[in-house]
Amino acid sequence: MIPSNPNPPMKKSEVEHFRLEMARRMRGDLTPQERHRIEQANETYNTIMKRNGGKNPLFGF
């Protein structure tokens, strides 16, 4: 079994980039490609939920 590392070593620039990207996405400032991927994911999720009677087959709910 591979031991997990909850805090991988990161450079200061990587931390700054992560925080800026997270803030941008939380504001909803997405690129057209990101918006398209999110829309496709939501459509796929909704289709799966409809086909399974509103139950998520992956989690058994």
N, C-alpha and C. Protein backbone atom coordinates (compact mmCIF):
# COMPACT_ATOMS: atom_id res chain seq x y z
N MET A 1 0.84 -1.16 0.00
CA MET A 1 0.00 0.00 0.00
C MET A 1 0.90 1.25 0.00
N ILE A 2 0.49 2.23 -0.79
CA ILE A 2 1.25 3.46 -0.89
C ILE A 2 0.80 4.41 0.22
N PRO A 3 1.72 4.89 1.05
CA PRO A 3 1.32 5.82 2.12
C PRO A 3 0.92 7.17 1.52
N SER A 4 -0.15 7.74 2.05
CA SER A 4 -0.59 9.04 1.55
C SER A 4 0.25 10.14 2.17
N ASN A 5 0.39 11.21 1.42
CA ASN A 5 1.11 12.38 1.91
C ASN A 5 0.13 13.55 1.86
N PRO A 6 -0.49 13.89 2.99
CA PRO A 6 -1.51 14.93 2.97
C PRO A 6 -0.97 16.32 2.66
N ASN A 7 0.28 16.55 2.87
CA ASN A 7 0.88 17.86 2.63
C ASN A 7 2.13 17.72 1.75
N PRO A 8 1.93 17.56 0.44
CA PRO A 8 3.10 17.42 -0.42
C PRO A 8 3.90 18.72 -0.44
N PRO A 9 5.20 18.62 -0.59
CA PRO A 9 6.02 19.84 -0.60
C PRO A 9 5.68 20.69 -1.82
N MET A 10 5.47 21.98 -1.60
CA MET A 10 5.16 22.90 -2.68
C MET A 10 6.04 24.13 -2.56
N LYS A 11 6.39 24.66 -3.72
CA LYS A 11 7.15 25.91 -3.73
C LYS A 11 6.20 27.06 -3.46
N LYS A 12 6.75 28.19 -3.06
CA LYS A 12 5.94 29.36 -2.77
C LYS A 12 5.15 29.79 -4.01
N SER A 13 5.76 29.72 -5.17
CA SER A 13 5.07 30.11 -6.41
C SER A 13 3.90 29.17 -6.71
N GLU A 14 4.05 27.89 -6.40
CA GLU A 14 2.96 26.93 -6.62
C GLU A 14 1.78 27.21 -5.69
N VAL A 15 2.08 27.58 -4.46
CA VAL A 15 1.03 27.91 -3.50
C VAL A 15 0.29 29.16 -3.95
N GLU A 16 1.01 30.18 -4.40
CA GLU A 16 0.40 31.41 -4.88
C GLU A 16 -0.49 31.14 -6.09
N HIS A 17 0.01 30.33 -7.02
CA HIS A 17 -0.76 29.99 -8.22
C HIS A 17 -2.04 29.24 -7.84
N PHE A 18 -1.94 28.30 -6.91
CA PHE A 18 -3.10 27.55 -6.45
C PHE A 18 -4.14 28.48 -5.85
N ARG A 19 -3.71 29.39 -4.99
CA ARG A 19 -4.64 30.31 -4.33
C ARG A 19 -5.31 31.24 -5.33
N LEU A 20 -4.54 31.74 -6.30
CA LEU A 20 -5.13 32.62 -7.32
C LEU A 20 -6.15 31.87 -8.17
N GLU A 21 -5.82 30.64 -8.56
CA GLU A 21 -6.75 29.83 -9.36
C GLU A 21 -8.01 29.50 -8.57
N MET A 22 -7.86 29.17 -7.31
CA MET A 22 -9.02 28.84 -6.47
C MET A 22 -9.92 30.06 -6.31
N ALA A 23 -9.33 31.22 -6.07
CA ALA A 23 -10.11 32.45 -5.93
C ALA A 23 -10.83 32.78 -7.24
N ARG A 24 -10.16 32.62 -8.37
CA ARG A 24 -10.76 32.89 -9.67
C ARG A 24 -11.97 31.99 -9.91
N ARG A 25 -11.82 30.73 -9.62
CA ARG A 25 -12.92 29.78 -9.84
C ARG A 25 -14.07 30.01 -8.87
N MET A 26 -13.77 30.40 -7.64
CA MET A 26 -14.83 30.67 -6.67
C MET A 26 -15.62 31.92 -7.06
N ARG A 27 -14.96 32.88 -7.70
CA ARG A 27 -15.66 34.07 -8.19
C ARG A 27 -16.52 33.75 -9.41
N GLY A 28 -16.27 32.62 -10.06
CA GLY A 28 -17.02 32.25 -11.26
C GLY A 28 -16.40 32.81 -12.52
N ASP A 29 -15.16 33.25 -12.44
CA ASP A 29 -14.44 33.79 -13.60
C ASP A 29 -13.82 32.62 -14.36
N LEU A 30 -14.64 31.95 -15.17
CA LEU A 30 -14.21 30.75 -15.87
C LEU A 30 -13.99 31.02 -17.34
N THR A 31 -13.11 30.24 -17.95
CA THR A 31 -12.89 30.33 -19.38
C THR A 31 -14.05 29.63 -20.09
N PRO A 32 -14.27 29.92 -21.37
CA PRO A 32 -15.34 29.22 -22.10
C PRO A 32 -15.17 27.70 -22.10
N GLN A 33 -13.92 27.22 -22.15
CA GLN A 33 -13.68 25.77 -22.13
C GLN A 33 -14.08 25.18 -20.78
N GLU A 34 -13.77 25.88 -19.70
CA GLU A 34 -14.13 25.38 -18.37
C GLU A 34 -15.65 25.35 -18.21
N ARG A 35 -16.32 26.41 -18.67
CA ARG A 35 -17.78 26.44 -18.60
C ARG A 35 -18.40 25.28 -19.38
N HIS A 36 -17.85 25.02 -20.57
CA HIS A 36 -18.36 23.93 -21.40
C HIS A 36 -18.19 22.58 -20.71
N ARG A 37 -17.01 22.35 -20.12
CA ARG A 37 -16.77 21.09 -19.41
C ARG A 37 -17.72 20.92 -18.23
N ILE A 38 -17.98 22.00 -17.50
CA ILE A 38 -18.89 21.93 -16.36
C ILE A 38 -20.31 21.62 -16.83
N GLU A 39 -20.74 22.27 -17.92
CA GLU A 39 -22.07 22.01 -18.47
C GLU A 39 -22.21 20.56 -18.91
N GLN A 40 -21.18 20.04 -19.58
CA GLN A 40 -21.21 18.64 -20.01
C GLN A 40 -21.27 17.70 -18.82
N ALA A 41 -20.51 17.98 -17.78
CA ALA A 41 -20.50 17.13 -16.59
C ALA A 41 -21.87 17.15 -15.92
N ASN A 42 -22.49 18.32 -15.84
CA ASN A 42 -23.82 18.40 -15.23
C ASN A 42 -24.86 17.66 -16.06
N GLU A 43 -24.77 17.76 -17.39
CA GLU A 43 -25.70 17.02 -18.26
C GLU A 43 -25.54 15.52 -18.07
N THR A 44 -24.30 15.06 -18.01
CA THR A 44 -24.04 13.64 -17.80
C THR A 44 -24.59 13.18 -16.46
N TYR A 45 -24.35 13.96 -15.42
CA TYR A 45 -24.84 13.62 -14.08
C TYR A 45 -26.37 13.55 -14.08
N ASN A 46 -27.02 14.54 -14.66
CA ASN A 46 -28.48 14.55 -14.69
C ASN A 46 -29.04 13.38 -15.48
N THR A 47 -28.39 13.01 -16.58
CA THR A 47 -28.83 11.85 -17.37
C THR A 47 -28.73 10.57 -16.55
N ILE A 48 -27.62 10.40 -15.85
CA ILE A 48 -27.43 9.20 -15.02
C ILE A 48 -28.48 9.16 -13.92
N MET A 49 -28.74 10.29 -13.28
CA MET A 49 -29.73 10.33 -12.21
C MET A 49 -31.13 9.99 -12.73
N LYS A 50 -31.50 10.51 -13.91
CA LYS A 50 -32.82 10.22 -14.48
C LYS A 50 -32.97 8.74 -14.81
N ARG A 51 -31.93 8.14 -15.34
CA ARG A 51 -31.99 6.72 -15.75
C ARG A 51 -32.04 5.78 -14.55
N ASN A 52 -31.64 6.27 -13.38
CA ASN A 52 -31.62 5.42 -12.19
C ASN A 52 -32.66 5.83 -11.16
N GLY A 53 -33.70 6.52 -11.60
CA GLY A 53 -34.78 6.87 -10.71
C GLY A 53 -34.39 7.84 -9.61
N GLY A 54 -33.45 8.73 -9.87
CA GLY A 54 -33.04 9.72 -8.89
C GLY A 54 -32.05 9.21 -7.87
N LYS A 55 -31.57 7.99 -8.06
CA LYS A 55 -30.59 7.42 -7.13
C LYS A 55 -29.22 7.40 -7.80
N ASN A 56 -28.20 7.73 -7.05
CA ASN A 56 -26.85 7.73 -7.56
C ASN A 56 -26.30 6.31 -7.49
N PRO A 57 -26.06 5.67 -8.66
CA PRO A 57 -25.60 4.28 -8.65
C PRO A 57 -24.17 4.12 -8.13
N LEU A 58 -23.40 5.19 -8.14
CA LEU A 58 -22.01 5.10 -7.70
C LEU A 58 -21.91 5.04 -6.18
N PHE A 59 -22.83 5.69 -5.48
CA PHE A 59 -22.77 5.73 -4.03
C PHE A 59 -23.84 4.89 -3.36
N GLY A 60 -24.74 4.33 -4.14
CA GLY A 60 -25.77 3.46 -3.59
C GLY A 60 -26.86 4.20 -2.84
N PHE A 61 -27.04 5.48 -3.11
CA PHE A 61 -28.09 6.24 -2.42
C PHE A 61 -29.41 6.11 -3.15
